[in-house]
Amino acid sequence: SKISTKAVKEEIVAEPDGISLYPNPSNGEFTLYYSNSNKTYTIEIFSMLGQTVFLKENIKQSSVPITNLPKGIYLVKITDDSKSTNKKIIIN
């Protein structure tokens, strides 16, 4: 087997589902990166109480900056025409 070494630097590492949230944990400002951006998609962010704190629809760009979230844990739901994916983000 081959051992690969990777230089440590700031880079976007796409998750298997093509969605990354960084930095996570965050200070209230983070970026959502969606590598499958040839599709339009929707971002919804929910507090742990189930309240919608952010909603943006018909997004076409691959990265979306999100700012001004208070401290806490949030559920980020990304939906395109075929599927919905949930991620967790921590604001501290």
N, C-alpha and C. Protein backbone atom coordinates (compact mmCIF):
# COMPACT_ATOMS: atom_id res chain seq x y z
N SER A 1 0.84 -1.19 0.00
CA SER A 1 0.00 0.00 0.00
C SER A 1 0.87 1.25 0.00
N LYS A 2 0.34 2.29 -0.51
CA LYS A 2 1.09 3.54 -0.65
C LYS A 2 0.66 4.51 0.45
N ILE A 3 1.62 5.11 1.09
CA ILE A 3 1.31 6.09 2.13
C ILE A 3 1.42 7.47 1.50
N SER A 4 0.36 8.23 1.64
CA SER A 4 0.41 9.58 1.08
C SER A 4 0.54 10.58 2.21
N THR A 5 1.36 11.57 2.00
CA THR A 5 1.50 12.64 2.97
C THR A 5 0.87 13.89 2.38
N LYS A 6 0.30 14.70 3.24
CA LYS A 6 -0.42 15.87 2.78
C LYS A 6 0.10 17.09 3.51
N ALA A 7 0.44 18.10 2.78
CA ALA A 7 0.89 19.35 3.40
C ALA A 7 -0.30 19.98 4.11
N VAL A 8 -0.05 20.53 5.29
CA VAL A 8 -1.11 21.17 6.05
C VAL A 8 -1.20 22.61 5.59
N LYS A 9 -2.32 22.95 4.99
CA LYS A 9 -2.55 24.33 4.58
C LYS A 9 -4.05 24.56 4.55
N GLU A 10 -4.44 25.81 4.40
CA GLU A 10 -5.85 26.16 4.36
C GLU A 10 -6.39 25.74 3.00
N GLU A 11 -7.28 24.77 2.98
CA GLU A 11 -7.85 24.36 1.72
C GLU A 11 -9.27 23.86 1.96
N ILE A 12 -10.04 23.86 0.90
CA ILE A 12 -11.41 23.36 0.99
C ILE A 12 -11.36 21.86 0.76
N VAL A 13 -11.79 21.10 1.73
CA VAL A 13 -11.85 19.66 1.57
C VAL A 13 -13.33 19.31 1.41
N ALA A 14 -13.69 18.89 0.23
CA ALA A 14 -15.08 18.55 -0.01
C ALA A 14 -15.41 17.24 0.67
N GLU A 15 -16.49 17.23 1.39
CA GLU A 15 -16.97 16.00 2.00
C GLU A 15 -17.48 15.08 0.89
N PRO A 16 -17.71 13.80 1.20
CA PRO A 16 -18.22 12.89 0.16
C PRO A 16 -19.52 13.39 -0.49
N ASP A 17 -20.34 14.13 0.25
CA ASP A 17 -21.57 14.65 -0.33
C ASP A 17 -21.36 15.96 -1.07
N GLY A 18 -20.12 16.44 -1.12
CA GLY A 18 -19.81 17.66 -1.86
C GLY A 18 -20.08 18.94 -1.09
N ILE A 19 -20.40 18.83 0.20
CA ILE A 19 -20.76 20.00 0.99
C ILE A 19 -19.76 20.18 2.12
N SER A 20 -19.23 21.39 2.26
CA SER A 20 -18.32 21.70 3.35
C SER A 20 -18.77 22.97 4.06
N LEU A 21 -18.62 22.98 5.37
CA LEU A 21 -18.84 24.18 6.17
C LEU A 21 -17.50 24.51 6.82
N TYR A 22 -17.02 25.73 6.64
CA TYR A 22 -15.73 26.07 7.26
C TYR A 22 -15.70 27.54 7.59
N PRO A 23 -15.01 27.97 8.64
CA PRO A 23 -14.48 27.05 9.67
C PRO A 23 -15.61 26.49 10.53
N ASN A 24 -15.39 25.35 11.09
CA ASN A 24 -16.36 24.71 11.99
C ASN A 24 -15.58 24.00 13.08
N PRO A 25 -15.65 24.46 14.33
CA PRO A 25 -16.50 25.53 14.87
C PRO A 25 -16.12 26.90 14.33
N SER A 26 -17.06 27.82 14.44
CA SER A 26 -16.93 29.15 13.85
C SER A 26 -17.21 30.22 14.89
N ASN A 27 -16.80 31.45 14.56
CA ASN A 27 -17.08 32.57 15.47
C ASN A 27 -18.39 33.27 15.10
N GLY A 28 -19.18 32.68 14.22
CA GLY A 28 -20.43 33.29 13.79
C GLY A 28 -20.41 33.65 12.32
N GLU A 29 -19.24 33.55 11.70
CA GLU A 29 -19.12 33.77 10.27
C GLU A 29 -18.51 32.52 9.66
N PHE A 30 -19.20 31.92 8.72
CA PHE A 30 -18.66 30.73 8.07
C PHE A 30 -19.13 30.69 6.63
N THR A 31 -18.51 29.81 5.86
CA THR A 31 -18.85 29.68 4.45
C THR A 31 -19.35 28.27 4.19
N LEU A 32 -20.41 28.18 3.43
CA LEU A 32 -20.90 26.90 2.97
C LEU A 32 -20.41 26.74 1.54
N TYR A 33 -19.73 25.63 1.28
CA TYR A 33 -19.21 25.34 -0.05
C TYR A 33 -19.91 24.11 -0.58
N TYR A 34 -20.49 24.22 -1.76
CA TYR A 34 -21.23 23.11 -2.37
C TYR A 34 -20.61 22.84 -3.74
N SER A 35 -19.92 21.71 -3.86
CA SER A 35 -19.18 21.44 -5.09
C SER A 35 -20.09 21.07 -6.26
N ASN A 36 -21.34 20.72 -5.97
CA ASN A 36 -22.27 20.33 -7.03
C ASN A 36 -23.08 21.54 -7.47
N SER A 37 -22.39 22.65 -7.72
CA SER A 37 -23.09 23.92 -7.90
C SER A 37 -23.65 24.11 -9.30
N ASN A 38 -23.63 23.07 -10.13
CA ASN A 38 -24.33 23.19 -11.40
C ASN A 38 -25.83 23.09 -11.20
N LYS A 39 -26.25 22.74 -10.00
CA LYS A 39 -27.66 22.71 -9.64
C LYS A 39 -27.98 23.91 -8.75
N THR A 40 -29.20 24.42 -8.85
CA THR A 40 -29.59 25.43 -7.87
C THR A 40 -29.96 24.71 -6.59
N TYR A 41 -29.75 25.37 -5.48
CA TYR A 41 -30.02 24.72 -4.19
C TYR A 41 -30.50 25.75 -3.19
N THR A 42 -30.99 25.23 -2.06
CA THR A 42 -31.52 26.04 -0.97
C THR A 42 -30.73 25.74 0.29
N ILE A 43 -30.45 26.78 1.07
CA ILE A 43 -29.83 26.60 2.38
C ILE A 43 -30.84 27.05 3.43
N GLU A 44 -31.08 26.18 4.41
CA GLU A 44 -31.88 26.54 5.57
C GLU A 44 -31.03 26.24 6.80
N ILE A 45 -31.03 27.15 7.77
CA ILE A 45 -30.31 26.92 9.01
C ILE A 45 -31.31 27.01 10.15
N PHE A 46 -31.30 25.98 10.99
CA PHE A 46 -32.22 25.88 12.11
C PHE A 46 -31.47 25.90 13.42
N SER A 47 -32.04 26.56 14.42
CA SER A 47 -31.51 26.48 15.78
C SER A 47 -31.89 25.11 16.34
N MET A 48 -31.30 24.77 17.48
CA MET A 48 -31.65 23.50 18.12
C MET A 48 -33.10 23.49 18.61
N LEU A 49 -33.74 24.66 18.66
CA LEU A 49 -35.15 24.73 19.03
C LEU A 49 -36.05 24.58 17.81
N GLY A 50 -35.44 24.41 16.63
CA GLY A 50 -36.21 24.20 15.42
C GLY A 50 -36.61 25.48 14.70
N GLN A 51 -36.12 26.62 15.18
CA GLN A 51 -36.46 27.89 14.53
C GLN A 51 -35.57 28.09 13.31
N THR A 52 -36.15 28.56 12.21
CA THR A 52 -35.35 28.88 11.03
C THR A 52 -34.66 30.22 11.28
N VAL A 53 -33.32 30.22 11.23
CA VAL A 53 -32.56 31.44 11.48
C VAL A 53 -31.92 31.99 10.21
N PHE A 54 -31.95 31.19 9.13
CA PHE A 54 -31.38 31.63 7.86
C PHE A 54 -32.06 30.84 6.76
N LEU A 55 -32.42 31.52 5.67
CA LEU A 55 -33.02 30.84 4.52
C LEU A 55 -32.59 31.58 3.27
N LYS A 56 -32.03 30.84 2.32
CA LYS A 56 -31.68 31.41 1.03
C LYS A 56 -32.01 30.37 -0.03
N GLU A 57 -32.77 30.79 -1.05
CA GLU A 57 -33.23 29.85 -2.07
C GLU A 57 -32.64 30.19 -3.43
N ASN A 58 -32.72 29.22 -4.33
CA ASN A 58 -32.27 29.38 -5.73
C ASN A 58 -30.83 29.87 -5.83
N ILE A 59 -29.95 29.26 -5.03
CA ILE A 59 -28.54 29.63 -5.03
C ILE A 59 -27.85 28.92 -6.19
N LYS A 60 -27.03 29.65 -6.89
CA LYS A 60 -26.29 29.05 -8.00
C LYS A 60 -24.79 29.03 -7.76
N GLN A 61 -24.27 29.93 -6.91
CA GLN A 61 -22.83 29.96 -6.68
C GLN A 61 -22.41 28.83 -5.74
N SER A 62 -21.13 28.44 -5.85
CA SER A 62 -20.67 27.29 -5.07
C SER A 62 -20.39 27.62 -3.61
N SER A 63 -20.11 28.90 -3.28
CA SER A 63 -19.86 29.19 -1.87
C SER A 63 -20.72 30.36 -1.41
N VAL A 64 -21.23 30.23 -0.21
CA VAL A 64 -22.14 31.23 0.37
C VAL A 64 -21.62 31.62 1.75
N PRO A 65 -21.28 32.90 1.96
CA PRO A 65 -20.87 33.32 3.29
C PRO A 65 -22.09 33.52 4.19
N ILE A 66 -21.99 33.09 5.42
CA ILE A 66 -23.09 33.22 6.38
C ILE A 66 -22.51 33.91 7.61
N THR A 67 -23.17 34.97 8.07
CA THR A 67 -22.61 35.78 9.15
C THR A 67 -23.67 36.05 10.22
N ASN A 68 -23.17 36.54 11.35
CA ASN A 68 -24.02 37.04 12.43
C ASN A 68 -24.92 36.01 13.10
N LEU A 69 -24.48 34.77 13.18
CA LEU A 69 -25.24 33.80 13.96
C LEU A 69 -24.77 33.86 15.40
N PRO A 70 -25.71 33.90 16.35
CA PRO A 70 -25.30 33.86 17.76
C PRO A 70 -24.70 32.51 18.13
N LYS A 71 -24.02 32.48 19.28
CA LYS A 71 -23.40 31.23 19.75
C LYS A 71 -24.44 30.13 19.86
N GLY A 72 -24.02 28.92 19.52
CA GLY A 72 -24.92 27.77 19.64
C GLY A 72 -24.59 26.72 18.60
N ILE A 73 -25.41 25.70 18.57
CA ILE A 73 -25.27 24.61 17.59
C ILE A 73 -26.45 24.73 16.64
N TYR A 74 -26.17 24.63 15.36
CA TYR A 74 -27.19 24.80 14.34
C TYR A 74 -27.20 23.62 13.38
N LEU A 75 -28.35 23.36 12.83
CA LEU A 75 -28.50 22.36 11.79
C LEU A 75 -28.61 23.10 10.46
N VAL A 76 -27.73 22.75 9.53
CA VAL A 76 -27.73 23.37 8.21
C VAL A 76 -28.29 22.35 7.23
N LYS A 77 -29.37 22.72 6.56
CA LYS A 77 -30.01 21.81 5.61
C LYS A 77 -29.81 22.36 4.20
N ILE A 78 -29.19 21.54 3.36
CA ILE A 78 -28.92 21.92 1.98
C ILE A 78 -29.79 21.03 1.10
N THR A 79 -30.63 21.64 0.27
CA THR A 79 -31.55 20.88 -0.56
C THR A 79 -31.36 21.27 -2.02
N ASP A 80 -31.16 20.26 -2.88
CA ASP A 80 -31.22 20.54 -4.32
C ASP A 80 -32.40 19.75 -4.88
N ASP A 81 -32.51 19.67 -6.19
CA ASP A 81 -33.71 19.07 -6.76
C ASP A 81 -33.86 17.58 -6.45
N SER A 82 -32.77 16.92 -6.09
CA SER A 82 -32.87 15.47 -5.91
C SER A 82 -32.69 15.00 -4.48
N LYS A 83 -32.07 15.81 -3.63
CA LYS A 83 -31.81 15.31 -2.27
C LYS A 83 -31.66 16.46 -1.28
N SER A 84 -31.69 16.06 -0.03
CA SER A 84 -31.51 17.00 1.07
C SER A 84 -30.42 16.45 1.98
N THR A 85 -29.51 17.32 2.42
CA THR A 85 -28.41 16.91 3.28
C THR A 85 -28.37 17.81 4.50
N ASN A 86 -28.13 17.22 5.66
CA ASN A 86 -28.04 18.00 6.90
C ASN A 86 -26.61 17.98 7.42
N LYS A 87 -26.17 19.14 7.90
CA LYS A 87 -24.85 19.28 8.54
C LYS A 87 -25.05 20.04 9.84
N LYS A 88 -24.09 19.89 10.73
CA LYS A 88 -24.13 20.62 11.99
C LYS A 88 -23.02 21.64 12.00
N ILE A 89 -23.31 22.85 12.49
CA ILE A 89 -22.26 23.87 12.65
C ILE A 89 -22.31 24.37 14.09
N ILE A 90 -21.12 24.59 14.65
CA ILE A 90 -21.01 25.09 16.03
C ILE A 90 -20.49 26.52 15.96
N ILE A 91 -21.20 27.43 16.60
CA ILE A 91 -20.78 28.82 16.70
C ILE A 91 -20.36 29.05 18.15
N ASN A 92 -19.09 29.46 18.34
CA ASN A 92 -18.64 29.66 19.73
C ASN A 92 -17.95 30.99 19.92
